Amino acid sequence: VGIGYGDGYPRHAKNGTPILINDVLCLLIGRVSMDLICVDISSTKANVGDNAILWGDEQLPIEVVANNSDTISYELFTGLSARVNFELVP
């Protein structure tokens, strides 16, 4: 997935941190790079260009990712860089 700590994704996210791809819970593999994270997609049929939800869906509250990164949700919100396209959904 084309996001990393250069975009504000937490550098200390642990192996196994959840990510949603095609509404299927998948897990982070390995370390977070500056511009890239690797995700185990064996549980879904993923294609280049599919959407990935890093946090914020009802299935994946930001607190879950924050806990897996040994931080708090506010740090994740405020750490996003201008390179990131995001959508606020009320």
Protein backbone atom coordinates (compact mmCIF):
# COMPACT_ATOMS: atom_id res chain seq x y z
CA VAL A 1 0.00 0.00 0.00
CA GLY A 2 1.46 3.35 -1.02
CA ILE A 3 1.61 5.04 2.37
CA GLY A 4 4.26 5.17 5.05
CA TYR A 5 5.69 7.24 7.85
CA GLY A 6 6.46 10.03 5.35
CA ASP A 7 2.70 10.40 5.00
CA GLY A 8 2.02 10.21 8.71
CA TYR A 9 1.26 6.51 9.06
CA PRO A 10 2.75 5.51 12.42
CA ARG A 11 6.33 4.26 12.02
CA HIS A 12 5.98 2.10 15.12
CA ALA A 13 2.86 0.24 13.93
CA LYS A 14 3.41 -3.36 14.94
CA ASN A 15 3.45 -6.38 12.69
CA GLY A 16 -0.20 -7.48 12.55
CA THR A 17 -1.75 -4.00 12.75
CA PRO A 18 -5.15 -4.27 11.00
CA ILE A 19 -5.97 -2.56 7.69
CA LEU A 20 -9.19 -2.88 5.67
CA ILE A 21 -8.85 -3.76 1.99
CA ASN A 22 -12.08 -4.29 0.08
CA ASP A 23 -13.87 -4.29 3.46
CA VAL A 24 -11.82 -7.31 4.57
CA LEU A 25 -9.61 -7.10 7.63
CA CYS A 26 -5.98 -7.64 6.57
CA LEU A 27 -2.78 -7.37 8.59
CA LEU A 28 0.37 -5.29 8.28
CA ILE A 29 3.48 -7.34 7.53
CA GLY A 30 6.88 -6.14 8.71
CA ARG A 31 8.02 -2.58 9.28
CA VAL A 32 6.52 0.65 8.02
CA SER A 33 8.71 2.25 5.34
CA MET A 34 8.82 5.93 4.43
CA ASP A 35 6.41 5.52 1.50
CA LEU A 36 5.14 1.95 1.73
CA ILE A 37 3.53 -0.65 3.94
CA CYS A 38 3.19 -4.35 3.15
CA VAL A 39 -0.12 -6.05 3.89
CA ASP A 40 -1.11 -9.72 3.92
CA ILE A 41 -3.92 -9.86 1.35
CA SER A 42 -4.32 -13.63 1.32
CA SER A 43 -7.80 -13.28 2.87
CA THR A 44 -9.17 -11.10 0.02
CA LYS A 45 -8.97 -10.60 -3.71
CA ALA A 46 -7.08 -7.32 -3.98
CA ASN A 47 -6.08 -5.52 -7.14
CA VAL A 48 -3.86 -2.54 -7.84
CA GLY A 49 -5.93 0.59 -7.23
CA ASP A 50 -8.29 -0.91 -4.65
CA ASN A 51 -9.05 1.26 -1.65
CA ALA A 52 -7.40 0.64 1.67
CA ILE A 53 -8.89 1.98 4.89
CA LEU A 54 -6.12 2.57 7.39
CA TRP A 55 -8.46 3.61 10.20
CA GLY A 56 -11.80 5.25 10.79
CA ASP A 57 -14.33 2.72 9.57
CA GLU A 58 -16.69 1.17 12.12
CA GLN A 59 -14.73 -2.05 11.63
CA LEU A 60 -11.42 -0.32 12.32
CA PRO A 61 -11.54 2.50 14.88
CA ILE A 62 -8.45 4.71 14.98
CA GLU A 63 -7.88 3.66 18.60
CA VAL A 64 -7.09 0.11 17.42
CA VAL A 65 -4.30 1.38 15.15
CA ALA A 66 -3.09 3.77 17.87
CA ASN A 67 -2.88 0.92 20.40
CA ASN A 68 -0.93 -1.19 17.90
CA SER A 69 1.45 1.75 17.48
CA ASP A 70 1.91 2.52 21.20
CA THR A 71 0.40 5.98 20.81
CA ILE A 72 -2.93 7.81 21.01
CA SER A 73 -5.46 8.57 18.29
CA TYR A 74 -4.80 12.33 18.40
CA GLU A 75 -1.19 11.77 17.33
CA LEU A 76 -2.39 9.82 14.29
CA PHE A 77 -4.91 12.50 13.30
CA THR A 78 -2.44 15.35 13.63
CA GLY A 79 0.45 13.46 12.04
CA LEU A 80 -1.10 13.12 8.57
CA SER A 81 0.92 14.98 5.95
CA ALA A 82 -0.35 17.04 3.04
CA ARG A 83 0.46 14.10 0.71
CA VAL A 84 -2.51 12.14 2.07
CA ASN A 85 -5.95 12.23 0.50
CA PHE A 86 -8.53 11.62 3.17
CA GLU A 87 -12.25 11.87 3.58
CA LEU A 88 -14.05 12.96 6.72
CA VAL A 89 -17.34 11.13 7.07
CA PRO A 90 -19.78 12.44 9.70
